[in-house]
Amino acid sequence: MVVEDSADDVVLLRHALDRAGVASHLSVVCDGIEAVAYLTAEDAFADRFAYPFPDFILLDLNLPRKNGFEVLEWLRGDASCCRLMVHILTASSRAVDVERAYELHANSYTVKPSRLEELVAFVVALHQWHDFLTLARPAPEEKCSSSQEQ
């Protein structure tokens, strides 16, 4: 799932996926409010067949209505989403943003590559990394706060 408000960045990401030969279903929402609605299967996203729960999220920070930090904070506090892999993919290279993202338990932080070849390399690396991971989703009643407080 991609949470990105720039249509141009989404087009580039789709192009990078094609060039990398990565076949995957790419769900895209354009702001934080839509991200939460998608993840909770509310409103227009109620059909889980059409809008499947994502394996991971690529999350921009600079989003309208609910920014990426707010989405990340919500994710880590929600019992059904708290263990979802979240990769920050943003234009910001500010140290304060990197620090805050990791404090909110982002799994990674990447500044958006400026060249298509770099974006393709990022997509390939991310895809390969996720191929090696086997993570069971927690049951909805399972809480993440106890593991985060340690």
Foldseek 3Di string as FASTA:
>chain_A
DEAAQDPVVVVLLVVLCVVLVPDDDDDYDHALVVVVCLQVLHDPNVDCVVRPHDQAYAAEQDGPPAGRLRSLLVQCFFLQRNPHAYEYEYQDPDPVVVVSCVLSPHPYYDYHDPDSVVSSVVVNVVVVVVVPDDDDGDDRVDHCVVVSVD
